[in-house]
């Protein structure tokens, strides 16, 4: 009788572990999809034509794992896109957990520019990018 209970307990334990493993993989996949969606939305708001359009958006900067300093174009000021990005980042942090890392100093205004149609930190930009 004890042997049957032990075997049943073992199989229950294995099935619980398997279920938790599948749930974790589903959550991981959801987090990766959400991260990709946020990065695509952020990239869209970095579209520019001139250096003067680009600036450091301190409201979205430091949003791990989406970069320490978020550079974007003024074209998207007060847009629904920015509010949606903030909401999605909050959702990501709640569902997937945040992360911590050290950041370099933010760029100064003259270190932000538009290269190849995208706002960039000129300190780290090379023509190869």
Protein backbone atom coordinates (compact mmCIF):
# COMPACT_ATOMS: atom_id res chain seq x y z
CA UNK A 1 0.00 0.00 0.00
CA UNK A 2 2.81 2.43 0.93
CA UNK A 3 4.55 1.61 -2.33
CA UNK A 4 1.39 2.48 -4.35
CA UNK A 5 1.03 5.81 -2.53
CA UNK A 6 4.70 6.62 -3.16
CA UNK A 7 4.37 5.82 -6.85
CA UNK A 8 1.20 7.94 -7.11
CA UNK A 9 2.88 10.82 -5.28
CA UNK A 10 5.86 10.56 -7.62
CA UNK A 11 3.66 10.73 -10.74
CA UNK A 12 1.68 13.66 -9.32
CA UNK A 13 4.94 15.47 -8.61
CA UNK A 14 6.20 14.81 -12.15
CA UNK A 15 2.94 16.02 -13.72
CA UNK A 16 3.00 19.22 -11.62
CA UNK A 17 6.60 19.90 -12.66
CA UNK A 18 5.73 19.28 -16.30
CA UNK A 19 2.71 21.61 -16.13
CA UNK A 20 4.75 24.36 -14.47
CA UNK A 21 7.44 23.95 -17.11
CA UNK A 22 4.90 24.38 -19.92
CA UNK A 23 3.42 27.44 -18.20
CA UNK A 24 6.88 29.01 -17.84
CA UNK A 25 7.60 28.41 -21.54
CA UNK A 26 4.28 30.04 -22.45
CA UNK A 27 5.08 33.05 -20.26
CA UNK A 28 8.58 33.26 -21.74
CA UNK A 29 7.15 33.22 -25.26
CA UNK A 30 4.58 35.89 -24.33
CA UNK A 31 7.33 38.07 -22.83
CA UNK A 32 9.48 37.76 -25.95
CA UNK A 33 6.50 38.68 -28.16
CA UNK A 34 5.68 41.68 -25.94
CA UNK A 35 9.33 42.79 -25.92
CA UNK A 36 9.49 42.59 -29.72
CA UNK A 37 6.24 44.57 -30.03
CA UNK A 38 7.56 47.32 -27.71
CA UNK A 39 10.90 47.53 -29.51
CA UNK A 40 9.12 47.87 -32.87
CA UNK A 41 6.89 50.63 -31.50
CA UNK A 42 9.90 52.44 -30.03
CA UNK A 43 11.81 52.14 -33.32
CA UNK A 44 8.92 53.70 -35.21
CA UNK A 45 9.05 56.78 -32.95
CA UNK A 46 12.76 57.17 -33.72
CA UNK A 47 12.08 57.96 -37.39
CA UNK A 48 13.48 61.37 -38.35
CA UNK A 49 14.64 63.57 -41.19
CA UNK A 50 16.82 66.16 -39.39
CA UNK A 51 19.03 66.32 -36.30
CA UNK A 52 16.75 68.98 -34.80
CA UNK A 53 13.85 66.51 -34.59
CA UNK A 54 15.73 64.17 -32.25
CA UNK A 55 15.93 64.38 -28.46
CA UNK A 56 16.38 62.31 -25.31
CA UNK A 57 12.94 61.32 -23.97
CA UNK A 58 13.56 61.04 -20.25
CA UNK A 59 10.03 59.73 -19.62
CA UNK A 60 10.83 56.52 -21.48
CA UNK A 61 14.54 56.31 -20.73
CA UNK A 62 15.87 53.65 -18.41
CA UNK A 63 13.13 51.19 -19.30
CA UNK A 64 14.98 47.93 -18.98
CA UNK A 65 15.37 45.86 -21.20
CA UNK A 66 14.58 48.56 -23.74
CA UNK A 67 17.70 50.67 -23.31
CA UNK A 68 19.04 53.22 -20.91
CA UNK A 69 18.42 56.29 -23.05
CA UNK A 70 15.47 56.52 -25.40
CA UNK A 71 16.07 58.87 -28.29
CA UNK A 72 13.09 59.76 -30.42
CA UNK A 73 11.72 62.34 -32.82
CA UNK A 74 9.59 65.35 -31.86
CA UNK A 75 7.28 64.26 -34.68
CA UNK A 76 5.70 61.89 -32.16
CA UNK A 77 5.20 64.45 -29.34
CA UNK A 78 1.91 64.06 -27.48
CA UNK A 79 0.97 61.10 -29.63
CA UNK A 80 -0.97 58.05 -28.66
CA UNK A 81 2.11 56.02 -29.62
CA UNK A 82 4.10 57.30 -26.64
CA UNK A 83 1.23 56.65 -24.20
CA UNK A 84 0.84 53.15 -25.63
CA UNK A 85 4.58 52.45 -25.34
CA UNK A 86 4.51 53.52 -21.67
CA UNK A 87 1.51 51.27 -21.05
CA UNK A 88 3.17 48.30 -22.80
CA UNK A 89 6.42 48.78 -20.86
CA UNK A 90 4.43 48.80 -17.61
CA UNK A 91 2.65 45.62 -18.74
CA UNK A 92 5.99 44.02 -19.60
CA UNK A 93 7.48 44.89 -16.20
CA UNK A 94 4.40 43.53 -14.39
CA UNK A 95 4.18 40.30 -16.37
CA UNK A 96 7.82 39.60 -17.15
CA UNK A 97 9.72 41.39 -14.42
CA UNK A 98 12.15 44.19 -14.90
CA UNK A 99 15.90 43.97 -14.99
CA UNK A 100 18.74 45.99 -13.60
CA UNK A 101 21.91 47.17 -15.25
CA UNK A 102 24.18 50.18 -15.10
CA UNK A 103 23.82 52.88 -17.70
CA UNK A 104 26.30 55.29 -19.20
CA UNK A 105 25.66 59.00 -18.79
CA UNK A 106 22.83 60.22 -21.03
CA UNK A 107 23.79 62.07 -24.20
CA UNK A 108 23.80 65.86 -24.23
CA UNK A 109 21.62 67.65 -26.77
CA UNK A 110 24.48 68.08 -29.24
CA UNK A 111 25.24 64.33 -29.00
CA UNK A 112 21.82 63.34 -30.38
CA UNK A 113 21.21 63.36 -34.11
CA UNK A 114 19.41 61.84 -37.07
CA UNK A 115 21.40 59.32 -39.10
CA UNK A 116 19.93 57.22 -41.88
CA UNK A 117 16.39 58.25 -40.85
CA UNK A 118 16.74 57.26 -37.20
CA UNK A 119 17.49 59.21 -33.99
CA UNK A 120 20.80 58.00 -32.55
CA UNK A 121 23.36 58.72 -29.83
CA UNK A 122 26.19 60.19 -31.88
CA UNK A 123 28.76 59.11 -29.28
CA UNK A 124 28.25 55.49 -30.29
CA UNK A 125 27.25 55.85 -33.93
CA UNK A 126 29.38 54.64 -36.78
CA UNK A 127 28.56 54.72 -40.48
CA UNK A 128 28.47 50.89 -40.40
CA UNK A 129 25.30 50.89 -38.23
